[in-house]
C-alpha atoms as a PDB file:
ATOM      1  CA  MET A   1      -1.754 -19.132   5.901  1.00  0.00           C
ATOM      2  CA  ASP A   2       0.676 -17.085   3.887  1.00  0.00           C
ATOM      3  CA  PHE A   3      -1.803 -15.954   1.259  1.00  0.00           C
ATOM      4  CA  ILE A   4      -3.973 -14.089   3.808  1.00  0.00           C
ATOM      5  CA  GLN A   5      -3.112 -10.821   5.578  1.00  0.00           C
ATOM      6  CA  GLU A   6      -5.235  -9.175   8.247  1.00  0.00           C
ATOM      7  CA  LYS A   7      -5.939  -5.478   7.813  1.00  0.00           C
ATOM      8  CA  PRO A   8      -8.072  -3.110   9.940  1.00  0.00           C
ATOM      9  CA  GLU A   9     -10.809  -3.033   7.277  1.00  0.00           C
ATOM     10  CA  GLY A  10     -10.786  -6.765   6.404  1.00  0.00           C
ATOM     11  CA  VAL A  11      -8.481  -9.427   5.021  1.00  0.00           C
ATOM     12  CA  ILE A  12      -6.346  -9.323   1.901  1.00  0.00           C
ATOM     13  CA  PHE A  13      -5.824 -12.581   0.067  1.00  0.00           C
ATOM     14  CA  LYS A  14      -3.876 -13.576  -3.029  1.00  0.00           C
ATOM     15  CA  VAL A  15      -5.573 -15.057  -6.080  1.00  0.00           C
ATOM     16  CA  LEU A  16      -4.154 -16.557  -9.257  1.00  0.00           C
ATOM     17  CA  VAL A  17      -6.706 -16.292 -12.072  1.00  0.00           C
ATOM     18  CA  GLN A  18      -6.774 -18.557 -15.114  1.00  0.00           C
ATOM     19  CA  PRO A  19      -9.174 -16.973 -17.639  1.00  0.00           C
ATOM     20  CA  ARG A  20     -10.881 -18.713 -20.571  1.00  0.00           C
ATOM     21  CA  SER A  21     -11.392 -21.953 -18.682  1.00  0.00           C
ATOM     22  CA  SER A  22     -14.148 -24.442 -19.459  1.00  0.00           C
ATOM     23  CA  LYS A  23     -15.880 -23.701 -16.139  1.00  0.00           C
ATOM     24  CA  ASN A  24     -15.698 -21.452 -13.091  1.00  0.00           C
ATOM     25  CA  GLU A  25     -14.022 -23.212 -10.193  1.00  0.00           C
ATOM     26  CA  VAL A  26     -11.569 -22.898  -7.339  1.00  0.00           C
ATOM     27  CA  VAL A  27      -8.875 -25.486  -7.945  1.00  0.00           C
ATOM     28  CA  GLY A  28      -6.938 -25.096  -4.704  1.00  0.00           C
ATOM     29  CA  PHE A  29      -3.714 -23.468  -3.659  1.00  0.00           C
ATOM     30  CA  TYR A  30      -0.982 -22.820  -6.236  1.00  0.00           C
ATOM     31  CA  ASP A  31       2.096 -20.594  -6.331  1.00  0.00           C
ATOM     32  CA  GLY A  32       1.273 -18.907  -3.006  1.00  0.00           C
ATOM     33  CA  ALA A  33      -2.296 -18.034  -3.967  1.00  0.00           C
ATOM     34  CA  LEU A  34      -5.826 -19.336  -4.271  1.00  0.00           C
ATOM     35  CA  LYS A  35      -6.096 -20.554  -7.886  1.00  0.00           C
ATOM     36  CA  VAL A  36      -9.374 -19.754  -9.621  1.00  0.00           C
ATOM     37  CA  LYS A  37     -10.372 -20.829 -13.124  1.00  0.00           C
ATOM     38  CA  LEU A  38     -12.866 -18.542 -14.880  1.00  0.00           C
ATOM     39  CA  THR A  39     -14.758 -18.816 -18.162  1.00  0.00           C
ATOM     40  CA  ALA A  40     -14.449 -15.094 -18.942  1.00  0.00           C
ATOM     41  CA  PRO A  41     -11.677 -13.785 -21.179  1.00  0.00           C
ATOM     42  CA  PRO A  42      -9.169 -11.236 -19.855  1.00  0.00           C
ATOM     43  CA  VAL A  43     -10.687  -8.504 -22.043  1.00  0.00           C
ATOM     44  CA  ASP A  44     -12.300  -5.224 -20.904  1.00  0.00           C
ATOM     45  CA  GLY A  45     -12.242  -6.323 -17.263  1.00  0.00           C
ATOM     46  CA  ALA A  46     -14.562  -9.297 -17.872  1.00  0.00           C
ATOM     47  CA  ALA A  47     -12.374 -11.755 -15.950  1.00  0.00           C
ATOM     48  CA  ASN A  48     -12.015  -9.312 -13.029  1.00  0.00           C
ATOM     49  CA  LYS A  49     -15.782  -8.812 -12.802  1.00  0.00           C
ATOM     50  CA  LEU A  50     -16.438 -12.537 -12.913  1.00  0.00           C
ATOM     51  CA  CYS A  51     -13.674 -13.164 -10.371  1.00  0.00           C
ATOM     52  CA  LEU A  52     -15.308 -10.842  -7.836  1.00  0.00           C
ATOM     53  CA  LYS A  53     -18.804 -12.194  -8.498  1.00  0.00           C
ATOM     54  CA  PHE A  54     -17.709 -15.838  -8.365  1.00  0.00           C
ATOM     55  CA  LEU A  55     -15.602 -15.511  -5.202  1.00  0.00           C
ATOM     56  CA  ALA A  56     -18.303 -13.507  -3.422  1.00  0.00           C
ATOM     57  CA  LYS A  57     -20.749 -16.329  -4.080  1.00  0.00           C
ATOM     58  CA  GLN A  58     -18.253 -19.000  -2.997  1.00  0.00           C
ATOM     59  CA  LEU A  59     -17.452 -17.101   0.212  1.00  0.00           C
ATOM     60  CA  GLY A  60     -21.073 -16.250   1.018  1.00  0.00           C
ATOM     61  CA  THR A  61     -20.679 -12.485   0.983  1.00  0.00           C
ATOM     62  CA  ALA A  62     -21.938  -9.565  -1.071  1.00  0.00           C
ATOM     63  CA  LYS A  63     -20.004  -8.735  -4.238  1.00  0.00           C
ATOM     64  CA  SER A  64     -19.587  -5.192  -2.906  1.00  0.00           C
ATOM     65  CA  ASN A  65     -17.523  -6.558   0.028  1.00  0.00           C
ATOM     66  CA  ILE A  66     -14.680  -7.735  -2.235  1.00  0.00           C
ATOM     67  CA  ASP A  67     -12.354  -5.449  -4.205  1.00  0.00           C
ATOM     68  CA  ILE A  68      -9.196  -5.915  -6.247  1.00  0.00           C
ATOM     69  CA  VAL A  69      -6.431  -3.926  -4.553  1.00  0.00           C
ATOM     70  CA  SER A  70      -3.617  -4.935  -6.920  1.00  0.00           C
ATOM     71  CA  GLY A  71      -3.127  -6.919 -10.101  1.00  0.00           C
ATOM     72  CA  GLU A  72      -6.076  -5.710 -12.163  1.00  0.00           C
ATOM     73  CA  THR A  73      -4.238  -6.318 -15.430  1.00  0.00           C
ATOM     74  CA  GLY A  74      -2.407  -9.505 -14.446  1.00  0.00           C
ATOM     75  CA  ARG A  75      -3.193 -13.049 -13.399  1.00  0.00           C
ATOM     76  CA  HIS A  76      -1.804 -12.531  -9.869  1.00  0.00           C
ATOM     77  CA  LYS A  77      -4.193 -10.401  -7.824  1.00  0.00           C
ATOM     78  CA  GLN A  78      -4.676  -9.267  -4.264  1.00  0.00           C
ATOM     79  CA  LEU A  79      -8.267  -8.968  -3.142  1.00  0.00           C
ATOM     80  CA  LEU A  80      -9.623  -7.184  -0.094  1.00  0.00           C
ATOM     81  CA  TRP A  81     -12.585  -8.834   1.620  1.00  0.00           C
ATOM     82  CA  ARG A  82     -14.067  -6.055   3.752  1.00  0.00           C
ATOM     83  CA  PHE A  83     -15.694  -6.561   7.126  1.00  0.00           C
ATOM     84  CA  SER A  84     -19.422  -5.916   7.188  1.00  0.00           C
ATOM     85  CA  ILE A  85     -20.467  -2.787   9.083  1.00  0.00           C
ATOM     86  CA  GLY A  86     -21.066  -3.491  12.740  1.00  0.00           C
ATOM     87  CA  ASP A  87     -19.311  -6.868  12.782  1.00  0.00           C
ATOM     88  CA  ASP A  88     -16.690  -7.676  15.377  1.00  0.00           C
ATOM     89  CA  ALA A  89     -13.367  -7.487  13.511  1.00  0.00           C
ATOM     90  CA  LYS A  90     -11.709 -10.387  15.330  1.00  0.00           C
ATOM     91  CA  THR A  91     -14.678 -12.727  14.910  1.00  0.00           C
ATOM     92  CA  GLU A  92     -15.165 -11.714  11.292  1.00  0.00           C
ATOM     93  CA  SER A  93     -11.458 -12.130  10.506  1.00  0.00           C
ATOM     94  CA  THR A  94     -11.486 -15.659  11.922  1.00  0.00           C
ATOM     95  CA  ARG A  95     -14.603 -16.530   9.908  1.00  0.00           C
ATOM     96  CA  MET A  96     -13.046 -15.151   6.725  1.00  0.00           C
ATOM     97  CA  LYS A  97      -9.821 -17.088   7.213  1.00  0.00           C
ATOM     98  CA  ARG A  98     -11.761 -20.324   7.719  1.00  0.00           C
ATOM     99  CA  ALA A  99     -13.814 -19.727   4.569  1.00  0.00           C
ATOM    100  CA  LEU A 100     -10.685 -19.013   2.509  1.00  0.00           C
ATOM    101  CA  ALA A 101      -8.890 -22.050   3.946  1.00  0.00           C
ATOM    102  CA  LYS A 102     -11.861 -24.233   3.046  1.00  0.00           C
ATOM    103  CA  LEU A 103     -11.785 -22.930  -0.547  1.00  0.00           C
ATOM    104  CA  SER A 104      -8.039 -23.488  -0.853  1.00  0.00           C
ATOM    105  CA  ASP A 105      -8.477 -27.127   0.196  1.00  0.00           C
ATOM    106  CA  SER A 106     -10.881 -27.731  -2.704  1.00  0.00           C
END
């Protein structure tokens, strides 16, 4: 999967955000990224906050485990999903990739 990169601290994945949508949803894979529609407007970081909260819930992880590493002011973002402390990196990376692949097939 081209939109996912393994890093020592977790996996980085690409997201394309469409703010001001009628509902929050993952709509699949578009333009080399996971496309996410969000109800929040792109004002004062509202869409970024909702993006992290929404994806954390969809991926079954804590909101504190996901950070925006690039693209805070744009629609194209790169997010870092950090490994939980004490988890085996290889096992956790495989689990994360499966979860992201499942979302992109939505």
